[in-house]
Amino acid sequence: MAVGDIVNGLSVAAAVVAFQPAVGVSVCLTAYGGWTDVSRLTDGVTPAIIRSNVNATTLSQPVKLFINNTNYIDFYSNASGIHYSGVQVQ
């Protein structure tokens, strides 16, 4: 992949999904969502919740969330699938 390429992913229900770019790659997520119970920014050791399923009608969140191999995002879903989309910036 190259700078400017679109990245996205989908999962089915009851999934744990981590999106961790390769070493040296940075991605700006522009949207993510689903009926995800928890979305977290993590370094693999320390998680920080960035969205919890307080409002199940919130299916997508527009964001500018920069992630890389060190600090990446993971999703825990037990009700329905999740999705994410963004652009590789480095």
PDB file of N, CA and C in Angstrom:
ATOM      1  N   MET A   1       0.840  -1.181   0.000  1.00  0.00           N
ATOM      2  CA  MET A   1       0.000   0.000   0.000  1.00  0.00           C
ATOM      3  C   MET A   1       0.881   1.239   0.000  1.00  0.00           C
ATOM      4  N   ALA A   2       0.286   2.349  -0.409  1.00  0.00           N
ATOM      5  CA  ALA A   2       1.035   3.596  -0.523  1.00  0.00           C
ATOM      6  C   ALA A   2       0.259   4.737   0.113  1.00  0.00           C
ATOM      7  N   VAL A   3       0.958   5.832   0.366  1.00  0.00           N
ATOM      8  CA  VAL A   3       0.317   7.020   0.919  1.00  0.00           C
ATOM      9  C   VAL A   3      -0.833   7.431   0.003  1.00  0.00           C
ATOM     10  N   GLY A   4      -1.975   7.717   0.594  1.00  0.00           N
ATOM     11  CA  GLY A   4      -3.156   8.115  -0.160  1.00  0.00           C
ATOM     12  C   GLY A   4      -4.111   6.977  -0.449  1.00  0.00           C
ATOM     13  N   ASP A   5      -3.677   5.735  -0.244  1.00  0.00           N
ATOM     14  CA  ASP A   5      -4.557   4.594  -0.464  1.00  0.00           C
ATOM     15  C   ASP A   5      -5.640   4.539   0.603  1.00  0.00           C
ATOM     16  N   ILE A   6      -6.803   4.099   0.203  1.00  0.00           N
ATOM     17  CA  ILE A   6      -7.924   3.930   1.122  1.00  0.00           C
ATOM     18  C   ILE A   6      -7.790   2.582   1.814  1.00  0.00           C
ATOM     19  N   VAL A   7      -8.018   2.573   3.115  1.00  0.00           N
ATOM     20  CA  VAL A   7      -8.032   1.330   3.883  1.00  0.00           C
ATOM     21  C   VAL A   7      -9.396   1.190   4.533  1.00  0.00           C
ATOM     22  N   ASN A   8      -9.910  -0.023   4.565  1.00  0.00           N
ATOM     23  CA  ASN A   8     -11.177  -0.251   5.246  1.00  0.00           C
ATOM     24  C   ASN A   8     -11.290  -1.712   5.625  1.00  0.00           C
ATOM     25  N   GLY A   9     -12.226  -1.978   6.500  1.00  0.00           N
ATOM     26  CA  GLY A   9     -12.448  -3.343   6.932  1.00  0.00           C
ATOM     27  C   GLY A   9     -13.824  -3.521   7.510  1.00  0.00           C
ATOM     28  N   LEU A  10     -14.262  -4.763   7.520  1.00  0.00           N
ATOM     29  CA  LEU A  10     -15.568  -5.144   8.049  1.00  0.00           C
ATOM     30  C   LEU A  10     -15.406  -6.395   8.885  1.00  0.00           C
ATOM     31  N   SER A  11     -16.308  -6.592   9.819  1.00  0.00           N
ATOM     32  CA  SER A  11     -16.316  -7.854  10.556  1.00  0.00           C
ATOM     33  C   SER A  11     -17.752  -8.300  10.746  1.00  0.00           C
ATOM     34  N   VAL A  12     -17.893  -9.549  11.071  1.00  0.00           N
ATOM     35  CA  VAL A  12     -19.210 -10.106  11.359  1.00  0.00           C
ATOM     36  C   VAL A  12     -19.504  -9.942  12.843  1.00  0.00           C
ATOM     37  N   ALA A  13     -20.676 -10.364  13.235  1.00  0.00           N
ATOM     38  CA  ALA A  13     -21.089 -10.237  14.639  1.00  0.00           C
ATOM     39  C   ALA A  13     -20.183 -11.049  15.558  1.00  0.00           C
ATOM     40  N   ALA A  14     -20.183 -10.667  16.810  1.00  0.00           N
ATOM     41  CA  ALA A  14     -19.448 -11.363  17.871  1.00  0.00           C
ATOM     42  C   ALA A  14     -17.982 -11.530  17.506  1.00  0.00           C
ATOM     43  N   ALA A  15     -17.333 -10.412  17.235  1.00  0.00           N
ATOM     44  CA  ALA A  15     -15.932 -10.454  16.826  1.00  0.00           C
ATOM     45  C   ALA A  15     -15.085  -9.517  17.676  1.00  0.00           C
ATOM     46  N   VAL A  16     -13.825  -9.850  17.778  1.00  0.00           N
ATOM     47  CA  VAL A  16     -12.823  -8.950  18.327  1.00  0.00           C
ATOM     48  C   VAL A  16     -11.895  -8.632  17.162  1.00  0.00           C
ATOM     49  N   VAL A  17     -11.803  -7.353  16.813  1.00  0.00           N
ATOM     50  CA  VAL A  17     -11.035  -6.940  15.644  1.00  0.00           C
ATOM     51  C   VAL A  17     -10.016  -5.894  16.068  1.00  0.00           C
ATOM     52  N   ALA A  18      -8.764  -6.107  15.707  1.00  0.00           N
ATOM     53  CA  ALA A  18      -7.731  -5.089  15.911  1.00  0.00           C
ATOM     54  C   ALA A  18      -7.255  -4.634  14.541  1.00  0.00           C
ATOM     55  N   PHE A  19      -7.155  -3.340  14.360  1.00  0.00           N
ATOM     56  CA  PHE A  19      -6.573  -2.797  13.130  1.00  0.00           C
ATOM     57  C   PHE A  19      -5.260  -2.154  13.527  1.00  0.00           C
ATOM     58  N   GLN A  20      -4.166  -2.835  13.204  1.00  0.00           N
ATOM     59  CA  GLN A  20      -2.820  -2.397  13.546  1.00  0.00           C
ATOM     60  C   GLN A  20      -2.014  -2.317  12.253  1.00  0.00           C
ATOM     61  N   PRO A  21      -1.749  -1.097  11.761  1.00  0.00           N
ATOM     62  CA  PRO A  21      -0.979  -0.957  10.526  1.00  0.00           C
ATOM     63  C   PRO A  21       0.424  -1.555  10.667  1.00  0.00           C
ATOM     64  N   ALA A  22       1.038  -1.826   9.548  1.00  0.00           N
ATOM     65  CA  ALA A  22       2.400  -2.358   9.536  1.00  0.00           C
ATOM     66  C   ALA A  22       3.378  -1.336  10.117  1.00  0.00           C
ATOM     67  N   VAL A  23       4.562  -1.798  10.497  1.00  0.00           N
ATOM     68  CA  VAL A  23       5.608  -0.912  11.021  1.00  0.00           C
ATOM     69  C   VAL A  23       5.935   0.150   9.969  1.00  0.00           C
ATOM     70  N   GLY A  24       5.991   1.412  10.393  1.00  0.00           N
ATOM     71  CA  GLY A  24       6.310   2.512   9.492  1.00  0.00           C
ATOM     72  C   GLY A  24       5.127   3.091   8.750  1.00  0.00           C
ATOM     73  N   VAL A  25       3.940   2.526   8.960  1.00  0.00           N
ATOM     74  CA  VAL A  25       2.726   2.983   8.277  1.00  0.00           C
ATOM     75  C   VAL A  25       1.839   3.709   9.285  1.00  0.00           C
ATOM     76  N   SER A  26       1.284   4.845   8.870  1.00  0.00           N
ATOM     77  CA  SER A  26       0.292   5.568   9.668  1.00  0.00           C
ATOM     78  C   SER A  26      -0.977   5.708   8.849  1.00  0.00           C
ATOM     79  N   VAL A  27      -2.112   5.605   9.523  1.00  0.00           N
ATOM     80  CA  VAL A  27      -3.420   5.688   8.880  1.00  0.00           C
ATOM     81  C   VAL A  27      -4.262   6.696   9.634  1.00  0.00           C
ATOM     82  N   CYS A  28      -4.994   7.518   8.899  1.00  0.00           N
ATOM     83  CA  CYS A  28      -5.989   8.401   9.501  1.00  0.00           C
ATOM     84  C   CYS A  28      -7.347   7.764   9.285  1.00  0.00           C
ATOM     85  N   LEU A  29      -7.945   7.250  10.368  1.00  0.00           N
ATOM     86  CA  LEU A  29      -9.300   6.723  10.273  1.00  0.00           C
ATOM     87  C   LEU A  29     -10.260   7.895  10.167  1.00  0.00           C
ATOM     88  N   THR A  30     -11.187   7.818   9.210  1.00  0.00           N
ATOM     89  CA  THR A  30     -12.160   8.891   9.006  1.00  0.00           C
ATOM     90  C   THR A  30     -13.555   8.498   9.455  1.00  0.00           C
ATOM     91  N   ALA A  31     -13.774   7.205   9.648  1.00  0.00           N
ATOM     92  CA  ALA A  31     -15.065   6.725  10.160  1.00  0.00           C
ATOM     93  C   ALA A  31     -14.887   5.329  10.721  1.00  0.00           C
ATOM     94  N   TYR A  32     -15.653   5.033  11.732  1.00  0.00           N
ATOM     95  CA  TYR A  32     -15.733   3.669  12.248  1.00  0.00           C
ATOM     96  C   TYR A  32     -17.050   3.531  12.982  1.00  0.00           C
ATOM     97  N   GLY A  33     -17.485   2.323  13.148  1.00  0.00           N
ATOM     98  CA  GLY A  33     -18.731   2.171  13.876  1.00  0.00           C
ATOM     99  C   GLY A  33     -19.307   0.790  13.771  1.00  0.00           C
ATOM    100  N   GLY A  34     -20.562   0.714  14.077  1.00  0.00           N
ATOM    101  CA  GLY A  34     -21.287  -0.530  14.202  1.00  0.00           C
ATOM    102  C   GLY A  34     -21.954  -0.521  15.557  1.00  0.00           C
ATOM    103  N   TRP A  35     -22.543  -1.615  15.930  1.00  0.00           N
ATOM    104  CA  TRP A  35     -23.109  -1.715  17.262  1.00  0.00           C
ATOM    105  C   TRP A  35     -22.050  -2.299  18.166  1.00  0.00           C
ATOM    106  N   THR A  36     -20.905  -1.682  18.128  1.00  0.00           N
ATOM    107  CA  THR A  36     -19.744  -2.160  18.863  1.00  0.00           C
ATOM    108  C   THR A  36     -19.913  -1.855  20.342  1.00  0.00           C
ATOM    109  N   ASP A  37     -19.633  -2.831  21.146  1.00  0.00           N
ATOM    110  CA  ASP A  37     -19.717  -2.604  22.584  1.00  0.00           C
ATOM    111  C   ASP A  37     -18.614  -1.676  23.066  1.00  0.00           C
ATOM    112  N   VAL A  38     -17.380  -1.864  22.573  1.00  0.00           N
ATOM    113  CA  VAL A  38     -16.267  -1.015  22.992  1.00  0.00           C
ATOM    114  C   VAL A  38     -15.283  -0.837  21.832  1.00  0.00           C
ATOM    115  N   SER A  39     -14.849   0.385  21.634  1.00  0.00           N
ATOM    116  CA  SER A  39     -13.745   0.693  20.725  1.00  0.00           C
ATOM    117  C   SER A  39     -12.635   1.283  21.576  1.00  0.00           C
ATOM    118  N   ARG A  40     -11.389   0.805  21.362  1.00  0.00           N
ATOM    119  CA  ARG A  40     -10.290   1.246  22.216  1.00  0.00           C
ATOM    120  C   ARG A  40      -9.080   1.630  21.384  1.00  0.00           C
ATOM    121  N   LEU A  41      -8.379   2.645  21.820  1.00  0.00           N
ATOM    122  CA  LEU A  41      -7.050   2.965  21.320  1.00  0.00           C
ATOM    123  C   LEU A  41      -6.091   2.267  22.273  1.00  0.00           C
ATOM    124  N   THR A  42      -5.140   1.513  21.729  1.00  0.00           N
ATOM    125  CA  THR A  42      -4.266   0.734  22.598  1.00  0.00           C
ATOM    126  C   THR A  42      -2.847   0.656  22.043  1.00  0.00           C
ATOM    127  N   ASP A  43      -1.924   0.395  22.924  1.00  0.00           N
ATOM    128  CA  ASP A  43      -0.549   0.103  22.513  1.00  0.00           C
ATOM    129  C   ASP A  43      -0.249  -1.375  22.709  1.00  0.00           C
ATOM    130  N   GLY A  44      -1.286  -2.162  22.913  1.00  0.00           N
ATOM    131  CA  GLY A  44      -1.140  -3.584  23.156  1.00  0.00           C
ATOM    132  C   GLY A  44      -1.073  -3.937  24.625  1.00  0.00           C
ATOM    133  N   VAL A  45      -0.849  -2.933  25.468  1.00  0.00           N
ATOM    134  CA  VAL A  45      -0.769  -3.143  26.914  1.00  0.00           C
ATOM    135  C   VAL A  45      -1.819  -2.299  27.623  1.00  0.00           C
ATOM    136  N   THR A  46      -1.838  -1.015  27.330  1.00  0.00           N
ATOM    137  CA  THR A  46      -2.730  -0.075  28.001  1.00  0.00           C
ATOM    138  C   THR A  46      -3.840   0.359  27.057  1.00  0.00           C
ATOM    139  N   PRO A  47      -5.087  -0.031  27.312  1.00  0.00           N
ATOM    140  CA  PRO A  47      -6.194   0.397  26.459  1.00  0.00           C
ATOM    141  C   PRO A  47      -6.838   1.681  26.974  1.00  0.00           C
ATOM    142  N   ALA A  48      -7.334   2.477  26.053  1.00  0.00           N
ATOM    143  CA  ALA A  48      -8.107   3.672  26.393  1.00  0.00           C
ATOM    144  C   ALA A  48      -9.408   3.616  25.603  1.00  0.00           C
ATOM    145  N   ILE A  49     -10.520   3.574  26.297  1.00  0.00           N
ATOM    146  CA  ILE A  49     -11.812   3.482  25.623  1.00  0.00           C
ATOM    147  C   ILE A  49     -12.099   4.802  24.920  1.00  0.00           C
ATOM    148  N   ILE A  50     -12.400   4.725  23.619  1.00  0.00           N
ATOM    149  CA  ILE A  50     -12.753   5.927  22.868  1.00  0.00           C
ATOM    150  C   ILE A  50     -14.235   5.947  22.502  1.00  0.00           C
ATOM    151  N   ARG A  51     -14.896   4.793  22.625  1.00  0.00           N
ATOM    152  CA  ARG A  51     -16.341   4.735  22.409  1.00  0.00           C
ATOM    153  C   ARG A  51     -16.880   3.489  23.074  1.00  0.00           C
ATOM    154  N   SER A  52     -17.925   3.649  23.849  1.00  0.00           N
ATOM    155  CA  SER A  52     -18.626   2.485  24.379  1.00  0.00           C
ATOM    156  C   SER A  52     -20.064   2.559  23.909  1.00  0.00           C
ATOM    157  N   ASN A  53     -20.747   1.451  23.930  1.00  0.00           N
ATOM    158  CA  ASN A  53     -22.078   1.364  23.367  1.00  0.00           C
ATOM    159  C   ASN A  53     -23.124   1.949  24.311  1.00  0.00           C
ATOM    160  N   VAL A  54     -23.020   3.253  24.534  1.00  0.00           N
ATOM    161  CA  VAL A  54     -24.005   3.941  25.369  1.00  0.00           C
ATOM    162  C   VAL A  54     -25.280   4.162  24.567  1.00  0.00           C
ATOM    163  N   ASN A  55     -25.122   4.474  23.286  1.00  0.00           N
ATOM    164  CA  ASN A  55     -26.263   4.750  22.424  1.00  0.00           C
ATOM    165  C   ASN A  55     -26.182   3.830  21.211  1.00  0.00           C
ATOM    166  N   ALA A  56     -26.945   2.768  21.210  1.00  0.00           N
ATOM    167  CA  ALA A  56     -26.876   1.769  20.142  1.00  0.00           C
ATOM    168  C   ALA A  56     -27.336   2.301  18.796  1.00  0.00           C
ATOM    169  N   THR A  57     -27.924   3.500  18.754  1.00  0.00           N
ATOM    170  CA  THR A  57     -28.341   4.043  17.461  1.00  0.00           C
ATOM    171  C   THR A  57     -27.189   4.750  16.761  1.00  0.00           C
ATOM    172  N   THR A  58     -26.062   4.917  17.421  1.00  0.00           N
ATOM    173  CA  THR A  58     -24.900   5.548  16.811  1.00  0.00           C
ATOM    174  C   THR A  58     -24.129   4.492  16.032  1.00  0.00           C
ATOM    175  N   LEU A  59     -24.404   4.389  14.744  1.00  0.00           N
ATOM    176  CA  LEU A  59     -23.820   3.321  13.954  1.00  0.00           C
ATOM    177  C   LEU A  59     -22.495   3.705  13.319  1.00  0.00           C
ATOM    178  N   SER A  60     -22.212   4.975  13.147  1.00  0.00           N
ATOM    179  CA  SER A  60     -20.954   5.383  12.549  1.00  0.00           C
ATOM    180  C   SER A  60     -20.521   6.699  13.172  1.00  0.00           C
ATOM    181  N   GLN A  61     -19.222   6.842  13.317  1.00  0.00           N
ATOM    182  CA  GLN A  61     -18.682   8.050  13.914  1.00  0.00           C
ATOM    183  C   GLN A  61     -17.686   8.672  12.955  1.00  0.00           C
ATOM    184  N   PRO A  62     -17.919   9.896  12.469  1.00  0.00           N
ATOM    185  CA  PRO A  62     -16.886  10.561  11.674  1.00  0.00           C
ATOM    186  C   PRO A  62     -15.772  11.028  12.617  1.00  0.00           C
ATOM    187  N   VAL A  63     -14.544  10.730  12.256  1.00  0.00           N
ATOM    188  CA  VAL A  63     -13.410  11.052  13.117  1.00  0.00           C
ATOM    189  C   VAL A  63     -12.196  11.411  12.276  1.00  0.00           C
ATOM    190  N   LYS A  64     -11.177  11.900  12.941  1.00  0.00           N
ATOM    191  CA  LYS A  64      -9.819  11.992  12.407  1.00  0.00           C
ATOM    192  C   LYS A  64      -8.946  11.367  13.480  1.00  0.00           C
ATOM    193  N   LEU A  65      -8.798  10.071  13.408  1.00  0.00           N
ATOM    194  CA  LEU A  65      -8.060   9.329  14.409  1.00  0.00           C
ATOM    195  C   LEU A  65      -6.832   8.720  13.735  1.00  0.00           C
ATOM    196  N   PHE A  66      -5.654   9.191  14.124  1.00  0.00           N
ATOM    197  CA  PHE A  66      -4.408   8.710  13.539  1.00  0.00           C
ATOM    198  C   PHE A  66      -3.906   7.513  14.333  1.00  0.00           C
ATOM    199  N   ILE A  67      -3.628   6.428  13.629  1.00  0.00           N
ATOM    200  CA  ILE A  67      -3.112   5.228  14.266  1.00  0.00           C
ATOM    201  C   ILE A  67      -1.868   4.755  13.530  1.00  0.00           C
ATOM    202  N   ASN A  68      -1.074   3.953  14.219  1.00  0.00           N
ATOM    203  CA  ASN A  68       0.121   3.370  13.610  1.00  0.00           C
ATOM    204  C   ASN A  68       0.371   2.012  14.248  1.00  0.00           C
ATOM    205  N   ASN A  69       1.536   1.443  14.042  1.00  0.00           N
ATOM    206  CA  ASN A  69       1.824   0.125  14.573  1.00  0.00           C
ATOM    207  C   ASN A  69       1.948   0.133  16.093  1.00  0.00           C
ATOM    208  N   THR A  70       2.312   1.278  16.660  1.00  0.00           N
ATOM    209  CA  THR A  70       2.478   1.377  18.112  1.00  0.00           C
ATOM    210  C   THR A  70       1.156   1.644  18.817  1.00  0.00           C
ATOM    211  N   ASN A  71       0.375   2.562  18.306  1.00  0.00           N
ATOM    212  CA  ASN A  71      -0.918   2.933  18.886  1.00  0.00           C
ATOM    213  C   ASN A  71      -1.993   2.662  17.846  1.00  0.00           C
ATOM    214  N   TYR A  72      -2.798   1.663  18.105  1.00  0.00           N
ATOM    215  CA  TYR A  72      -3.768   1.207  17.117  1.00  0.00           C
ATOM    216  C   TYR A  72      -5.132   1.048  17.769  1.00  0.00           C
ATOM    217  N   ILE A  73      -6.128   0.630  16.989  1.00  0.00           N
ATOM    218  CA  ILE A  73      -7.497   0.555  17.483  1.00  0.00           C
ATOM    219  C   ILE A  73      -7.960  -0.893  17.502  1.00  0.00           C
ATOM    220  N   ASP A  74      -8.760  -1.220  18.514  1.00  0.00           N
ATOM    221  CA  ASP A  74      -9.421  -2.521  18.504  1.00  0.00           C
ATOM    222  C   ASP A  74     -10.883  -2.361  18.897  1.00  0.00           C
ATOM    223  N   PHE A  75     -11.677  -3.318  18.460  1.00  0.00           N
ATOM    224  CA  PHE A  75     -13.122  -3.291  18.633  1.00  0.00           C
ATOM    225  C   PHE A  75     -13.569  -4.598  19.266  1.00  0.00           C
ATOM    226  N   TYR A  76     -14.491  -4.507  20.191  1.00  0.00           N
ATOM    227  CA  TYR A  76     -15.114  -5.686  20.793  1.00  0.00           C
ATOM    228  C   TYR A  76     -16.603  -5.597  20.512  1.00  0.00           C
ATOM    229  N   SER A  77     -17.135  -6.560  19.792  1.00  0.00           N
ATOM    230  CA  SER A  77     -18.544  -6.535  19.441  1.00  0.00           C
ATOM    231  C   SER A  77     -19.179  -7.879  19.747  1.00  0.00           C
ATOM    232  N   ASN A  78     -20.358  -7.854  20.348  1.00  0.00           N
ATOM    233  CA  ASN A  78     -21.077  -9.103  20.564  1.00  0.00           C
ATOM    234  C   ASN A  78     -22.476  -9.067  19.986  1.00  0.00           C
ATOM    235  N   ALA A  79     -22.831  -7.992  19.309  1.00  0.00           N
ATOM    236  CA  ALA A  79     -24.190  -7.874  18.794  1.00  0.00           C
ATOM    237  C   ALA A  79     -24.235  -7.826  17.271  1.00  0.00           C
ATOM    238  N   SER A  80     -23.352  -7.072  16.660  1.00  0.00           N
ATOM    239  CA  SER A  80     -23.376  -6.938  15.204  1.00  0.00           C
ATOM    240  C   SER A  80     -21.980  -6.563  14.739  1.00  0.00           C
ATOM    241  N   GLY A  81     -21.773  -6.555  13.459  1.00  0.00           N
ATOM    242  CA  GLY A  81     -20.451  -6.281  12.908  1.00  0.00           C
ATOM    243  C   GLY A  81     -19.999  -4.851  13.082  1.00  0.00           C
ATOM    244  N   ILE A  82     -18.738  -4.626  12.778  1.00  0.00           N
ATOM    245  CA  ILE A  82     -18.152  -3.283  12.829  1.00  0.00           C
ATOM    246  C   ILE A  82     -17.552  -2.966  11.464  1.00  0.00           C
ATOM    247  N   HIS A  83     -17.253  -1.691  11.278  1.00  0.00           N
ATOM    248  CA  HIS A  83     -16.576  -1.263  10.055  1.00  0.00           C
ATOM    249  C   HIS A  83     -15.637  -0.118  10.398  1.00  0.00           C
ATOM    250  N   TYR A  84     -14.616   0.060   9.552  1.00  0.00           N
ATOM    251  CA  TYR A  84     -13.745   1.215   9.666  1.00  0.00           C
ATOM    252  C   TYR A  84     -13.248   1.584   8.275  1.00  0.00           C
ATOM    253  N   SER A  85     -12.901   2.859   8.120  1.00  0.00           N
ATOM    254  CA  SER A  85     -12.417   3.354   6.843  1.00  0.00           C
ATOM    255  C   SER A  85     -11.459   4.503   7.108  1.00  0.00           C
ATOM    256  N   GLY A  86     -10.457   4.629   6.253  1.00  0.00           N
ATOM    257  CA  GLY A  86      -9.497   5.703   6.424  1.00  0.00           C
ATOM    258  C   GLY A  86      -8.559   5.813   5.240  1.00  0.00           C
ATOM    259  N   VAL A  87      -7.484   6.583   5.442  1.00  0.00           N
ATOM    260  CA  VAL A  87      -6.519   6.852   4.386  1.00  0.00           C
ATOM    261  C   VAL A  87      -5.118   6.673   4.957  1.00  0.00           C
ATOM    262  N   GLN A  88      -4.255   5.977   4.208  1.00  0.00           N
ATOM    263  CA  GLN A  88      -2.874   5.839   4.637  1.00  0.00           C
ATOM    264  C   GLN A  88      -2.178   7.178   4.445  1.00  0.00           C
ATOM    265  N   VAL A  89      -1.530   7.684   5.503  1.00  0.00           N
ATOM    266  CA  VAL A  89      -0.891   8.999   5.443  1.00  0.00           C
ATOM    267  C   VAL A  89       0.644   8.911   5.553  1.00  0.00           C
ATOM    268  N   GLN A  90       1.163   7.756   5.875  1.00  0.00           N
ATOM    269  CA  GLN A  90       2.613   7.577   5.936  1.00  0.00           C
ATOM    270  C   GLN A  90       2.952   6.138   5.644  1.00  0.00           C
TER     271      GLN A  90
END
